[in-house]
N, C-alpha and C. Protein backbone atom coordinates (compact mmCIF):
# COMPACT_ATOMS: atom_id res chain seq x y z
N MET A 1 -22.20 14.10 31.57
CA MET A 1 -23.31 14.93 31.21
C MET A 1 -23.29 14.78 29.71
N ALA A 2 -24.55 14.71 29.20
CA ALA A 2 -24.68 14.74 27.64
C ALA A 2 -24.49 16.09 27.05
N ILE A 3 -23.97 16.10 25.90
CA ILE A 3 -23.51 17.44 25.31
C ILE A 3 -24.82 18.43 25.15
N LYS A 4 -25.90 17.82 25.01
CA LYS A 4 -27.14 18.71 24.83
C LYS A 4 -27.51 19.45 26.09
N GLU A 5 -26.79 18.96 27.29
CA GLU A 5 -27.10 19.54 28.55
C GLU A 5 -26.05 20.65 28.91
N TRP A 6 -25.10 20.69 27.91
CA TRP A 6 -24.04 21.62 28.16
C TRP A 6 -24.48 23.28 27.91
N ASN A 7 -23.92 24.18 28.20
CA ASN A 7 -24.12 25.42 27.89
C ASN A 7 -23.89 25.42 26.49
N GLU A 8 -24.85 26.31 25.76
CA GLU A 8 -24.80 26.29 24.25
C GLU A 8 -23.44 26.74 23.66
N ASP A 9 -22.70 27.57 24.26
CA ASP A 9 -21.52 28.09 23.69
C ASP A 9 -20.43 27.18 23.80
N GLU A 10 -20.59 26.10 24.56
CA GLU A 10 -19.56 25.06 24.88
C GLU A 10 -19.91 23.95 23.94
N ARG A 11 -21.02 23.79 23.51
CA ARG A 11 -21.35 22.63 22.73
C ARG A 11 -20.31 22.74 21.27
N PRO A 12 -19.92 21.56 20.86
CA PRO A 12 -18.95 21.67 19.63
C PRO A 12 -19.50 22.14 18.38
N ARG A 13 -20.77 21.60 18.08
CA ARG A 13 -21.48 21.91 16.90
C ARG A 13 -21.83 23.56 16.90
N GLU A 14 -22.26 23.89 17.95
CA GLU A 14 -22.69 25.40 18.05
C GLU A 14 -21.40 26.16 18.25
N LYS A 15 -20.33 25.75 18.82
CA LYS A 15 -18.96 26.48 18.75
C LYS A 15 -18.50 26.65 17.35
N LEU A 16 -18.64 25.65 16.66
CA LEU A 16 -18.09 25.63 15.11
C LEU A 16 -19.01 26.45 14.26
N ILE A 17 -20.28 26.53 14.61
CA ILE A 17 -21.30 27.51 13.76
C ILE A 17 -20.97 28.90 14.12
N ALA A 18 -20.70 29.19 15.40
CA ALA A 18 -20.54 30.53 15.78
C ALA A 18 -19.06 31.16 15.49
N ASN A 19 -18.05 30.25 15.74
CA ASN A 19 -16.72 30.87 15.58
C ASN A 19 -15.84 29.96 14.49
N GLY A 20 -16.40 29.07 13.94
CA GLY A 20 -15.58 28.44 12.84
C GLY A 20 -14.88 27.21 13.32
N PRO A 21 -14.33 26.17 12.41
CA PRO A 21 -13.72 25.00 12.89
C PRO A 21 -12.38 25.37 13.69
N GLY A 22 -11.83 26.36 13.51
CA GLY A 22 -10.50 26.71 14.11
C GLY A 22 -10.85 26.80 15.72
N ALA A 23 -12.08 27.26 16.02
CA ALA A 23 -12.26 27.37 17.44
C ALA A 23 -12.40 26.14 18.20
N CYS A 24 -12.55 24.91 17.49
CA CYS A 24 -12.89 23.70 18.14
C CYS A 24 -11.56 22.86 18.32
N SER A 25 -11.41 22.10 19.38
CA SER A 25 -10.30 21.16 19.52
C SER A 25 -10.36 20.00 18.62
N VAL A 26 -9.27 19.16 18.63
CA VAL A 26 -9.37 17.84 17.82
C VAL A 26 -10.40 17.07 18.31
N ALA A 27 -10.51 16.91 19.68
CA ALA A 27 -11.57 15.95 20.28
C ALA A 27 -13.02 16.54 19.85
N GLU A 28 -13.23 17.82 19.89
CA GLU A 28 -14.59 18.38 19.52
C GLU A 28 -14.86 18.17 18.18
N LEU A 29 -13.99 18.20 17.21
CA LEU A 29 -14.09 17.99 15.80
C LEU A 29 -14.40 16.47 15.58
N ILE A 30 -13.84 15.65 16.29
CA ILE A 30 -14.23 14.28 16.22
C ILE A 30 -15.57 14.05 16.83
N ALA A 31 -15.92 14.64 17.79
CA ALA A 31 -17.23 14.68 18.35
C ALA A 31 -18.30 15.06 17.35
N ILE A 32 -18.13 16.15 16.62
CA ILE A 32 -18.96 16.34 15.63
C ILE A 32 -19.18 15.41 14.50
N LEU A 33 -18.01 14.79 14.22
CA LEU A 33 -18.14 13.74 13.18
C LEU A 33 -18.96 12.42 13.61
N ILE A 34 -18.62 12.02 14.90
CA ILE A 34 -19.28 10.74 15.32
C ILE A 34 -20.82 11.01 15.92
N THR A 35 -21.09 12.40 16.00
CA THR A 35 -22.48 12.69 16.43
C THR A 35 -22.89 12.50 17.83
N ASN A 36 -22.64 11.29 18.40
CA ASN A 36 -23.12 11.07 19.65
C ASN A 36 -22.26 10.19 20.47
N GLY A 37 -22.40 10.04 21.77
CA GLY A 37 -21.47 9.19 22.59
C GLY A 37 -22.32 8.10 23.18
N THR A 38 -21.91 7.70 24.33
CA THR A 38 -22.73 6.49 25.01
C THR A 38 -23.49 7.02 26.09
N SER A 39 -24.12 5.99 26.87
CA SER A 39 -24.96 6.49 28.09
C SER A 39 -24.18 7.19 29.08
N ASN A 40 -22.96 6.95 29.19
CA ASN A 40 -22.11 7.62 30.13
C ASN A 40 -20.84 8.28 29.77
N ARG A 41 -20.71 8.34 28.37
CA ARG A 41 -19.46 9.04 27.87
C ARG A 41 -20.10 10.01 26.73
N SER A 42 -19.70 11.18 26.79
CA SER A 42 -20.12 12.15 25.72
C SER A 42 -19.19 11.89 24.43
N ALA A 43 -19.67 12.44 23.31
CA ALA A 43 -18.92 12.28 22.09
C ALA A 43 -17.60 13.00 22.22
N VAL A 44 -17.47 14.07 22.98
CA VAL A 44 -16.05 14.79 23.25
C VAL A 44 -15.19 13.85 24.02
N ASP A 45 -15.90 13.07 24.98
CA ASP A 45 -14.91 12.25 25.83
C ASP A 45 -14.52 11.11 24.91
N LEU A 46 -15.17 10.56 23.85
CA LEU A 46 -14.80 9.67 22.99
C LEU A 46 -13.76 10.08 22.13
N GLY A 47 -14.02 11.42 21.72
CA GLY A 47 -12.98 12.04 20.86
C GLY A 47 -11.56 12.12 21.67
N ASN A 48 -11.76 12.49 22.76
CA ASN A 48 -10.37 12.81 23.78
C ASN A 48 -9.75 11.37 23.88
N ASP A 49 -10.50 10.23 24.02
CA ASP A 49 -9.92 8.88 24.17
C ASP A 49 -9.27 8.41 22.92
N VAL A 50 -9.73 8.84 21.69
CA VAL A 50 -9.19 8.56 20.51
C VAL A 50 -7.78 9.28 20.49
N MET A 51 -7.76 10.58 20.77
CA MET A 51 -6.53 11.31 20.68
C MET A 51 -5.57 10.79 21.73
N LYS A 52 -5.99 10.21 22.91
CA LYS A 52 -5.08 9.60 23.92
C LYS A 52 -4.44 8.47 23.30
N LYS A 53 -5.17 7.90 22.54
CA LYS A 53 -4.73 6.55 21.67
C LYS A 53 -3.35 7.07 20.94
N ALA A 54 -3.54 8.15 20.31
CA ALA A 54 -2.39 8.72 19.49
C ALA A 54 -1.57 9.65 20.22
N ASP A 55 -1.54 9.57 21.44
CA ASP A 55 -0.67 10.44 22.30
C ASP A 55 -0.86 11.97 22.00
N TYR A 56 -2.18 12.23 21.78
CA TYR A 56 -2.39 13.60 21.47
C TYR A 56 -1.59 14.16 20.32
N ASN A 57 -1.25 13.42 19.46
CA ASN A 57 -0.35 13.85 18.23
C ASN A 57 -1.11 13.63 16.86
N LEU A 58 -1.27 14.69 16.19
CA LEU A 58 -2.15 14.52 14.98
C LEU A 58 -1.58 13.45 13.92
N MET A 59 -0.18 13.43 13.92
CA MET A 59 0.52 12.64 12.99
C MET A 59 0.22 11.24 13.28
N LYS A 60 0.30 10.80 14.62
CA LYS A 60 -0.01 9.41 15.12
C LYS A 60 -1.58 9.32 14.89
N PHE A 61 -2.46 10.20 15.09
CA PHE A 61 -3.74 10.04 14.87
C PHE A 61 -4.14 9.48 13.31
N THR A 62 -3.31 10.06 12.34
CA THR A 62 -3.61 9.73 11.00
C THR A 62 -3.20 8.31 10.76
N ARG A 63 -2.40 7.66 11.77
CA ARG A 63 -1.85 6.32 11.58
C ARG A 63 -2.62 5.22 12.30
N LEU A 64 -3.51 5.76 13.14
CA LEU A 64 -4.43 4.76 13.99
C LEU A 64 -5.20 3.78 13.07
N THR A 65 -5.05 2.54 13.39
CA THR A 65 -5.68 1.42 12.43
C THR A 65 -7.20 1.29 12.97
N LYS A 66 -7.91 0.66 12.22
CA LYS A 66 -9.28 0.23 12.55
C LYS A 66 -9.42 -0.30 14.05
N SER A 67 -8.52 -1.39 14.18
CA SER A 67 -8.59 -1.99 15.40
C SER A 67 -8.17 -1.17 16.66
N GLU A 68 -7.15 -0.34 16.50
CA GLU A 68 -6.80 0.66 17.45
C GLU A 68 -7.89 1.55 17.86
N ILE A 69 -8.66 2.15 16.92
CA ILE A 69 -9.62 3.07 16.88
C ILE A 69 -10.91 2.41 17.81
N GLU A 70 -11.05 1.13 17.36
CA GLU A 70 -12.20 0.39 18.03
C GLU A 70 -11.88 -0.18 19.28
N GLU A 71 -10.50 -0.08 19.78
CA GLU A 71 -10.19 -0.33 21.14
C GLU A 71 -10.83 0.57 22.18
N VAL A 72 -11.22 1.76 21.74
CA VAL A 72 -11.82 2.85 22.65
C VAL A 72 -13.14 2.51 22.89
N GLU A 73 -13.34 2.28 24.25
CA GLU A 73 -14.84 2.03 24.53
C GLU A 73 -15.87 2.87 24.07
N GLY A 74 -16.90 2.47 23.48
CA GLY A 74 -17.83 3.20 22.93
C GLY A 74 -17.80 3.44 21.44
N ILE A 75 -16.68 3.24 20.82
CA ILE A 75 -16.54 3.36 19.36
C ILE A 75 -16.56 2.02 18.56
N GLY A 76 -17.56 1.69 17.87
CA GLY A 76 -17.55 0.55 17.10
C GLY A 76 -17.38 0.73 15.63
N PRO A 77 -17.66 -0.24 14.76
CA PRO A 77 -17.42 -0.14 13.39
C PRO A 77 -17.98 1.19 12.76
N ALA A 78 -19.19 1.55 13.19
CA ALA A 78 -19.82 2.70 12.47
C ALA A 78 -19.04 3.99 12.81
N LYS A 79 -18.73 4.22 14.07
CA LYS A 79 -17.93 5.38 14.45
C LYS A 79 -16.57 5.28 13.91
N SER A 80 -15.92 4.08 13.82
CA SER A 80 -14.59 4.03 13.47
C SER A 80 -14.51 4.31 11.91
N THR A 81 -15.54 3.89 11.21
CA THR A 81 -15.47 4.22 9.82
C THR A 81 -15.49 5.77 9.40
N ILE A 82 -16.29 6.38 10.24
CA ILE A 82 -16.34 7.83 10.05
C ILE A 82 -14.94 8.49 10.49
N ILE A 83 -14.31 8.01 11.48
CA ILE A 83 -12.99 8.45 11.88
C ILE A 83 -12.03 8.10 10.80
N ARG A 84 -11.95 6.92 10.24
CA ARG A 84 -11.16 6.63 9.22
C ARG A 84 -11.18 7.31 7.85
N ALA A 85 -12.53 7.66 7.56
CA ALA A 85 -12.92 8.54 6.44
C ALA A 85 -12.26 9.90 6.51
N ALA A 86 -12.39 10.25 7.72
CA ALA A 86 -11.72 11.69 8.05
C ALA A 86 -10.20 11.54 7.84
N GLN A 87 -9.56 10.62 8.33
CA GLN A 87 -8.12 10.29 8.20
C GLN A 87 -7.82 10.36 6.73
N GLU A 88 -8.34 9.61 5.94
CA GLU A 88 -8.24 9.45 4.50
C GLU A 88 -8.53 10.87 3.77
N LEU A 89 -9.45 11.57 4.17
CA LEU A 89 -9.64 12.78 3.57
C LEU A 89 -8.68 13.76 3.94
N GLY A 90 -7.99 13.76 5.11
CA GLY A 90 -6.96 14.52 5.37
C GLY A 90 -5.65 14.16 4.58
N ARG A 91 -5.43 12.88 4.55
CA ARG A 91 -4.36 12.54 3.63
C ARG A 91 -4.53 12.88 2.17
N ARG A 92 -5.65 12.89 1.76
CA ARG A 92 -5.84 13.18 0.26
C ARG A 92 -5.76 14.79 0.05
N ILE A 93 -6.20 15.58 0.93
CA ILE A 93 -6.04 16.89 0.88
C ILE A 93 -4.48 17.28 0.91
N ALA A 94 -3.78 16.62 1.83
CA ALA A 94 -2.53 17.03 1.98
C ALA A 94 -1.73 16.74 0.62
N ALA A 95 -2.10 15.53 -0.11
CA ALA A 95 -1.54 15.01 -1.24
C ALA A 95 -2.16 15.71 -2.50
N ALA A 96 -3.05 16.64 -2.26
CA ALA A 96 -3.64 17.26 -3.64
C ALA A 96 -2.39 18.11 -4.37
N THR A 97 -2.67 18.09 -5.61
CA THR A 97 -1.65 18.66 -6.48
C THR A 97 -1.46 20.16 -6.30
N PRO A 98 -0.28 20.64 -6.07
CA PRO A 98 -0.03 22.08 -5.86
C PRO A 98 -0.57 23.04 -6.99
N PRO A 99 -0.80 24.22 -6.70
CA PRO A 99 -1.22 25.08 -7.96
C PRO A 99 0.13 25.24 -8.87
N PRO A 100 -0.11 25.55 -10.04
CA PRO A 100 0.94 25.61 -11.06
C PRO A 100 1.99 26.77 -10.69
N GLU A 101 1.47 27.83 -9.88
CA GLU A 101 2.39 28.97 -9.64
C GLU A 101 3.44 28.63 -8.76
N VAL A 102 3.33 27.41 -8.06
CA VAL A 102 4.33 26.97 -7.11
C VAL A 102 5.78 26.77 -7.78
N LYS A 103 6.78 27.31 -7.10
CA LYS A 103 8.08 26.85 -7.69
C LYS A 103 8.87 26.10 -6.57
N LEU A 104 9.61 25.09 -7.11
CA LEU A 104 10.40 24.24 -6.22
C LEU A 104 11.91 24.54 -6.43
N MET A 105 12.22 25.47 -5.62
CA MET A 105 13.76 25.99 -5.76
C MET A 105 14.60 25.51 -4.79
N SER A 106 14.22 24.77 -3.72
CA SER A 106 15.02 24.36 -2.64
C SER A 106 14.46 23.01 -2.02
N SER A 107 15.36 22.29 -1.20
CA SER A 107 14.93 21.04 -0.60
C SER A 107 13.72 21.38 0.28
N LYS A 108 13.69 22.42 0.95
CA LYS A 108 12.62 22.88 1.90
C LYS A 108 11.20 22.91 0.93
N ASP A 109 11.39 23.54 -0.20
CA ASP A 109 10.09 23.56 -0.90
C ASP A 109 9.49 22.05 -1.34
N VAL A 110 10.48 21.34 -1.52
CA VAL A 110 10.13 19.95 -1.81
C VAL A 110 9.55 19.24 -0.73
N TYR A 111 10.07 19.42 0.43
CA TYR A 111 9.62 18.74 1.65
C TYR A 111 8.13 19.36 1.89
N GLU A 112 8.02 20.63 1.79
CA GLU A 112 6.67 21.20 2.21
C GLU A 112 5.63 20.63 1.31
N SER A 113 6.10 20.47 -0.05
CA SER A 113 5.18 19.97 -0.87
C SER A 113 4.80 18.44 -0.85
N MET A 114 5.70 17.69 -0.20
CA MET A 114 5.55 16.33 -0.02
C MET A 114 5.38 15.74 1.30
N LYS A 115 5.29 16.60 2.30
CA LYS A 115 5.44 16.24 3.62
C LYS A 115 4.11 15.21 4.24
N PHE A 116 3.16 15.26 3.30
CA PHE A 116 2.10 14.22 3.56
C PHE A 116 2.76 12.78 3.56
N LEU A 117 3.91 12.55 2.96
CA LEU A 117 4.58 11.25 3.04
C LEU A 117 5.05 10.80 4.46
N ARG A 118 5.20 11.90 5.36
CA ARG A 118 5.62 11.56 6.57
C ARG A 118 4.68 10.69 7.40
N ASP A 119 3.38 10.73 7.17
CA ASP A 119 2.45 10.10 7.82
C ASP A 119 2.15 8.68 7.47
N LEU A 120 2.74 8.24 6.48
CA LEU A 120 2.59 6.78 5.89
C LEU A 120 3.29 5.82 6.65
N THR A 121 2.78 4.60 6.77
CA THR A 121 3.43 3.47 7.49
C THR A 121 4.07 2.55 6.36
N HIS A 122 3.92 2.85 5.11
CA HIS A 122 4.69 2.02 3.99
C HIS A 122 5.29 3.10 3.23
N GLU A 123 6.32 2.56 2.24
CA GLU A 123 7.12 3.56 1.45
C GLU A 123 6.41 3.73 0.14
N GLU A 124 6.50 5.04 -0.27
CA GLU A 124 5.98 5.43 -1.53
C GLU A 124 7.04 6.25 -2.33
N PHE A 125 7.08 6.15 -3.42
CA PHE A 125 7.99 6.85 -4.25
C PHE A 125 7.28 7.80 -5.35
N TRP A 126 7.60 9.10 -5.19
CA TRP A 126 6.99 10.15 -6.09
C TRP A 126 7.91 10.88 -6.96
N VAL A 127 7.54 11.54 -7.98
CA VAL A 127 8.38 12.35 -8.88
C VAL A 127 7.62 13.61 -9.05
N LEU A 128 8.32 14.77 -8.90
CA LEU A 128 7.80 16.07 -9.33
C LEU A 128 8.44 16.55 -10.62
N PHE A 129 7.56 17.00 -11.54
CA PHE A 129 8.07 17.40 -12.78
C PHE A 129 7.97 18.95 -12.85
N CYS A 130 8.96 19.76 -13.22
CA CYS A 130 9.09 21.07 -13.47
C CYS A 130 9.61 21.57 -14.78
N ASN A 131 9.44 22.72 -15.00
CA ASN A 131 10.14 23.40 -16.13
C ASN A 131 11.51 23.93 -15.83
N THR A 132 12.10 24.57 -16.73
CA THR A 132 13.44 25.01 -16.51
C THR A 132 13.58 26.07 -15.43
N SER A 133 12.56 26.74 -15.07
CA SER A 133 12.58 27.70 -14.12
C SER A 133 12.19 27.21 -12.77
N GLY A 134 11.88 26.02 -12.66
CA GLY A 134 11.66 25.36 -11.44
C GLY A 134 10.10 25.43 -11.11
N ARG A 135 9.22 25.87 -12.06
CA ARG A 135 7.89 26.01 -11.97
C ARG A 135 7.18 24.66 -11.92
N PHE A 136 6.32 24.34 -10.92
CA PHE A 136 5.86 22.92 -10.86
C PHE A 136 4.76 22.73 -12.04
N ILE A 137 4.97 21.58 -12.47
CA ILE A 137 4.10 21.15 -13.54
C ILE A 137 3.15 19.97 -13.21
N ARG A 138 3.62 19.01 -12.61
CA ARG A 138 3.01 17.89 -12.19
C ARG A 138 3.67 16.90 -11.13
N ARG A 139 2.88 16.36 -10.37
CA ARG A 139 3.17 15.33 -9.31
C ARG A 139 2.75 14.07 -9.49
N GLN A 140 3.55 12.99 -9.41
CA GLN A 140 2.99 11.75 -9.88
C GLN A 140 3.57 10.65 -8.94
N SER A 141 2.68 9.82 -8.44
CA SER A 141 2.99 8.66 -7.72
C SER A 141 3.66 7.64 -8.58
N ILE A 142 4.75 6.92 -8.26
CA ILE A 142 5.43 5.96 -9.16
C ILE A 142 5.19 4.67 -8.56
N SER A 143 5.43 4.33 -7.32
CA SER A 143 5.21 3.13 -6.82
C SER A 143 5.07 3.10 -5.32
N ARG A 144 4.62 2.13 -4.69
CA ARG A 144 4.38 2.01 -3.25
C ARG A 144 4.74 0.53 -2.75
N GLY A 145 5.35 0.44 -1.56
CA GLY A 145 5.69 -0.75 -1.04
C GLY A 145 4.91 -1.25 0.22
N SER A 146 5.04 -2.41 0.47
CA SER A 146 4.29 -2.85 1.83
C SER A 146 5.08 -2.48 2.95
N GLY A 147 6.24 -2.11 2.86
CA GLY A 147 6.97 -1.69 4.17
C GLY A 147 8.12 -0.80 3.76
N ASN A 148 9.43 -1.08 3.83
CA ASN A 148 10.63 -0.10 3.55
C ASN A 148 11.11 -0.40 2.15
N ASN A 149 10.45 -1.12 1.33
CA ASN A 149 10.97 -1.58 -0.04
C ASN A 149 10.02 -1.10 -0.98
N VAL A 150 10.39 -0.45 -2.17
CA VAL A 150 9.50 0.01 -3.12
C VAL A 150 10.56 -0.11 -4.49
N GLY A 151 9.88 -0.58 -5.56
CA GLY A 151 10.49 -0.51 -6.77
C GLY A 151 10.21 0.74 -7.68
N VAL A 152 11.17 0.94 -8.58
CA VAL A 152 11.06 2.24 -9.41
C VAL A 152 11.38 1.91 -10.75
N ASP A 153 10.50 2.20 -11.67
CA ASP A 153 10.65 2.11 -13.06
C ASP A 153 10.93 3.37 -13.75
N PHE A 154 12.39 3.53 -14.24
CA PHE A 154 12.75 4.63 -14.84
C PHE A 154 12.11 4.94 -16.23
N LYS A 155 11.76 4.19 -16.84
CA LYS A 155 11.00 4.34 -18.09
C LYS A 155 9.76 5.06 -17.77
N GLU A 156 9.00 4.51 -16.73
CA GLU A 156 7.71 5.18 -16.37
C GLU A 156 7.82 6.66 -16.03
N ILE A 157 8.89 6.91 -15.42
CA ILE A 157 9.09 8.27 -14.95
C ILE A 157 9.48 9.17 -16.14
N LEU A 158 10.26 8.72 -17.10
CA LEU A 158 10.41 9.36 -18.29
C LEU A 158 9.30 9.58 -19.20
N ARG A 159 8.40 8.51 -19.30
CA ARG A 159 7.22 8.72 -20.05
C ARG A 159 6.39 9.87 -19.48
N TYR A 160 6.22 9.97 -18.14
CA TYR A 160 5.50 11.09 -17.58
C TYR A 160 6.09 12.44 -17.88
N ALA A 161 7.44 12.40 -17.85
CA ALA A 161 8.32 13.65 -18.11
C ALA A 161 8.16 14.16 -19.55
N PHE A 162 8.01 13.15 -20.57
CA PHE A 162 7.88 13.69 -21.96
C PHE A 162 6.37 13.97 -22.11
N GLU A 163 5.37 13.30 -21.45
CA GLU A 163 4.07 13.70 -21.55
C GLU A 163 3.68 15.14 -21.11
N CYS A 164 4.37 15.78 -20.08
CA CYS A 164 4.05 17.04 -19.54
C CYS A 164 5.25 17.97 -19.98
N ASN A 165 6.10 17.55 -20.91
CA ASN A 165 7.29 18.32 -21.38
C ASN A 165 8.04 18.88 -20.22
N ALA A 166 8.33 18.19 -19.27
CA ALA A 166 9.16 18.70 -18.20
C ALA A 166 10.76 18.56 -18.43
N SER A 167 11.33 19.51 -18.01
CA SER A 167 12.89 19.65 -18.28
C SER A 167 13.67 19.38 -16.89
N ARG A 168 12.92 19.24 -15.79
CA ARG A 168 13.58 19.02 -14.57
C ARG A 168 12.71 17.93 -13.87
N ILE A 169 13.40 17.03 -13.31
CA ILE A 169 12.66 15.89 -12.46
C ILE A 169 13.18 15.92 -11.12
N ILE A 170 12.49 15.91 -10.05
CA ILE A 170 12.70 15.88 -8.60
C ILE A 170 12.18 14.55 -8.14
N LEU A 171 13.07 13.67 -7.50
CA LEU A 171 12.61 12.43 -6.91
C LEU A 171 12.31 12.68 -5.36
N CYS A 172 11.44 11.82 -4.90
CA CYS A 172 11.08 11.94 -3.57
C CYS A 172 10.47 10.66 -3.06
N HIS A 173 10.86 10.28 -1.84
CA HIS A 173 10.22 9.13 -1.21
C HIS A 173 10.39 9.15 0.20
N ASN A 174 9.73 8.38 0.99
CA ASN A 174 9.61 8.38 2.40
C ASN A 174 10.42 7.06 3.00
N HIS A 175 10.72 7.16 4.20
CA HIS A 175 11.28 6.08 5.01
C HIS A 175 10.54 6.01 6.15
N PRO A 176 9.53 5.11 6.14
CA PRO A 176 8.60 4.98 7.35
C PRO A 176 9.31 4.52 8.58
N GLY A 177 10.38 4.03 8.49
CA GLY A 177 11.13 3.39 9.52
C GLY A 177 11.75 4.60 10.56
N GLY A 178 11.75 5.72 10.03
CA GLY A 178 12.10 6.85 10.90
C GLY A 178 13.49 7.57 10.69
N THR A 179 14.30 6.82 9.95
CA THR A 179 15.62 7.57 9.54
C THR A 179 15.54 8.03 8.13
N CYS A 180 16.06 9.20 7.89
CA CYS A 180 16.02 9.85 6.61
C CYS A 180 17.20 9.59 5.68
N TYR A 181 18.28 8.99 6.37
CA TYR A 181 19.55 8.81 5.57
C TYR A 181 19.26 7.82 4.44
N PRO A 182 19.81 8.05 3.20
CA PRO A 182 19.61 7.19 2.17
C PRO A 182 20.44 5.83 2.35
N SER A 183 19.72 4.73 1.82
CA SER A 183 20.35 3.40 1.89
C SER A 183 21.43 3.40 0.57
N GLN A 184 22.00 2.30 0.51
CA GLN A 184 22.97 2.13 -0.71
C GLN A 184 22.16 2.07 -1.97
N GLU A 185 20.93 1.46 -1.81
CA GLU A 185 19.97 1.36 -2.97
C GLU A 185 19.46 2.68 -3.37
N ASP A 186 19.15 3.49 -2.40
CA ASP A 186 18.72 4.90 -2.59
C ASP A 186 19.85 5.67 -3.49
N ILE A 187 21.10 5.46 -3.14
CA ILE A 187 22.21 6.28 -3.60
C ILE A 187 22.38 5.62 -5.03
N ASN A 188 22.39 4.37 -5.37
CA ASN A 188 22.58 3.76 -6.59
C ASN A 188 21.62 4.17 -7.51
N LEU A 189 20.23 4.13 -7.02
CA LEU A 189 19.13 4.43 -7.92
C LEU A 189 19.35 5.91 -8.42
N THR A 190 19.60 6.91 -7.49
CA THR A 190 19.85 8.31 -7.87
C THR A 190 20.80 8.47 -8.86
N HIS A 191 22.12 7.85 -8.51
CA HIS A 191 23.06 7.98 -9.61
C HIS A 191 22.91 7.52 -10.96
N ASN A 192 22.26 6.37 -10.78
CA ASN A 192 21.81 5.53 -12.16
C ASN A 192 20.91 6.48 -13.01
N PHE A 193 19.86 6.97 -12.15
CA PHE A 193 18.92 7.83 -13.01
C PHE A 193 19.45 9.20 -13.43
N LYS A 194 20.38 9.55 -12.65
CA LYS A 194 21.09 10.80 -13.03
C LYS A 194 21.85 10.69 -14.37
N LYS A 195 22.47 9.60 -14.64
CA LYS A 195 23.13 9.36 -15.88
C LYS A 195 22.30 9.30 -17.02
N ILE A 196 21.11 8.64 -16.83
CA ILE A 196 20.20 8.62 -17.86
C ILE A 196 19.49 9.93 -18.31
N CYS A 197 19.24 10.75 -17.19
CA CYS A 197 18.77 12.22 -17.43
C CYS A 197 19.73 13.00 -18.16
N ASN A 198 21.03 12.90 -17.79
CA ASN A 198 22.00 13.59 -18.48
C ASN A 198 22.08 13.25 -20.09
N LEU A 199 21.88 12.04 -20.46
CA LEU A 199 21.83 11.59 -21.70
C LEU A 199 20.73 12.28 -22.41
N LEU A 200 19.67 12.60 -21.83
CA LEU A 200 18.38 13.08 -22.55
C LEU A 200 18.21 14.57 -22.23
N ASN A 201 19.27 15.17 -21.74
CA ASN A 201 19.32 16.53 -21.48
C ASN A 201 18.08 17.00 -20.52
N ILE A 202 17.82 16.17 -19.47
CA ILE A 202 16.85 16.51 -18.50
C ILE A 202 17.62 16.63 -17.27
N GLU A 203 17.41 17.73 -16.46
CA GLU A 203 17.96 17.77 -15.23
C GLU A 203 17.28 17.03 -14.10
N LEU A 204 18.21 16.42 -13.35
CA LEU A 204 18.00 15.77 -11.95
C LEU A 204 18.49 16.49 -10.87
N PRO A 205 17.96 17.54 -10.42
CA PRO A 205 18.56 18.41 -9.32
C PRO A 205 18.38 17.95 -7.92
N GLU A 206 17.64 17.06 -7.78
CA GLU A 206 17.27 16.75 -6.31
C GLU A 206 16.51 15.51 -6.12
N HIS A 207 16.91 14.82 -4.94
CA HIS A 207 16.14 13.71 -4.41
C HIS A 207 15.86 13.83 -2.87
N VAL A 208 14.73 13.93 -2.45
CA VAL A 208 14.48 14.13 -1.12
C VAL A 208 13.97 12.89 -0.42
N ILE A 209 14.43 12.44 0.74
CA ILE A 209 13.94 11.46 1.54
C ILE A 209 13.43 12.02 2.69
N ILE A 210 12.00 11.58 2.92
CA ILE A 210 11.17 12.13 4.05
C ILE A 210 11.07 11.13 5.22
N ALA A 211 11.35 11.52 6.37
CA ALA A 211 11.13 10.55 7.53
C ALA A 211 10.56 11.44 8.62
N GLY A 212 9.37 11.43 8.94
CA GLY A 212 8.78 12.16 10.05
C GLY A 212 8.91 13.66 9.64
N ASP A 213 9.48 14.49 10.64
CA ASP A 213 9.71 15.84 10.41
C ASP A 213 11.09 16.24 9.92
N SER A 214 11.85 15.12 9.57
CA SER A 214 13.12 15.28 9.01
C SER A 214 13.23 14.91 7.53
N TYR A 215 14.22 15.40 7.00
CA TYR A 215 14.36 15.08 5.38
C TYR A 215 15.76 15.01 5.16
N TYR A 216 16.14 14.33 4.14
CA TYR A 216 17.43 14.19 3.52
C TYR A 216 17.55 14.71 2.21
N SER A 217 18.36 15.75 1.72
CA SER A 217 18.45 16.27 0.55
C SER A 217 19.71 15.87 -0.18
N PHE A 218 19.68 15.10 -1.25
CA PHE A 218 20.83 14.79 -2.12
C PHE A 218 21.57 15.99 -2.48
N CYS A 219 20.81 17.01 -2.95
CA CYS A 219 21.32 18.24 -3.27
C CYS A 219 22.16 19.09 -2.20
N ASP A 220 21.48 19.16 -1.22
CA ASP A 220 22.19 19.88 0.03
C ASP A 220 23.33 19.24 0.41
N GLU A 221 23.25 17.76 0.32
CA GLU A 221 24.32 17.01 0.89
C GLU A 221 25.48 16.91 0.00
N GLY A 222 25.24 17.36 -1.27
CA GLY A 222 26.34 17.17 -2.52
C GLY A 222 26.47 15.81 -2.97
N THR A 223 25.43 15.06 -2.85
CA THR A 223 25.49 13.60 -3.20
C THR A 223 24.68 13.28 -4.44
N ILE A 224 24.38 14.33 -5.31
CA ILE A 224 23.69 14.17 -6.47
C ILE A 224 24.52 14.90 -7.61
């Protein structure tokens, strides 16, 4: 049955207008975005099929590729483009710079600020810059890799630190492979940069590695 034949209070668009987007399921939100279904499948059915592809997991939904989305019968390039735009918008919102009143005082604070990295299928290395009291100043992407490897330029990090007059630097990157434990390269990088920061009277109190819903804190583990 086409959505226009549903009871008005069950139609996704009308439900959103009346009760706000929180009242809609993910499938209904996708249906609103793609506008219409096919001759025998409603837009909500297609939304459900997309989420089924992701095992009804929003994190997996953000990782669906163009080809995976278009494997859903009834979704071609036009509809998949809309869905992929929504995926990217969600990622950019998650990665938006936190407000300046935010304080990064613990590994959990860092994880909450950077957990958008858990959705990525490639590795990215970021740095958070703070003042002496831990108040957030700036967040900066340093590098990204094609898989589990990413290069880091210490001089670039320090340049950003001097630009924003930061006295504390926090390192953060993700492990898309699923394990949050540091590699020997991660350990060497952290210890080498710590030595450089000490020479410049800059604190390096933390390095957090994010993998899915887990993270590894060099500070908590006493390895920094």
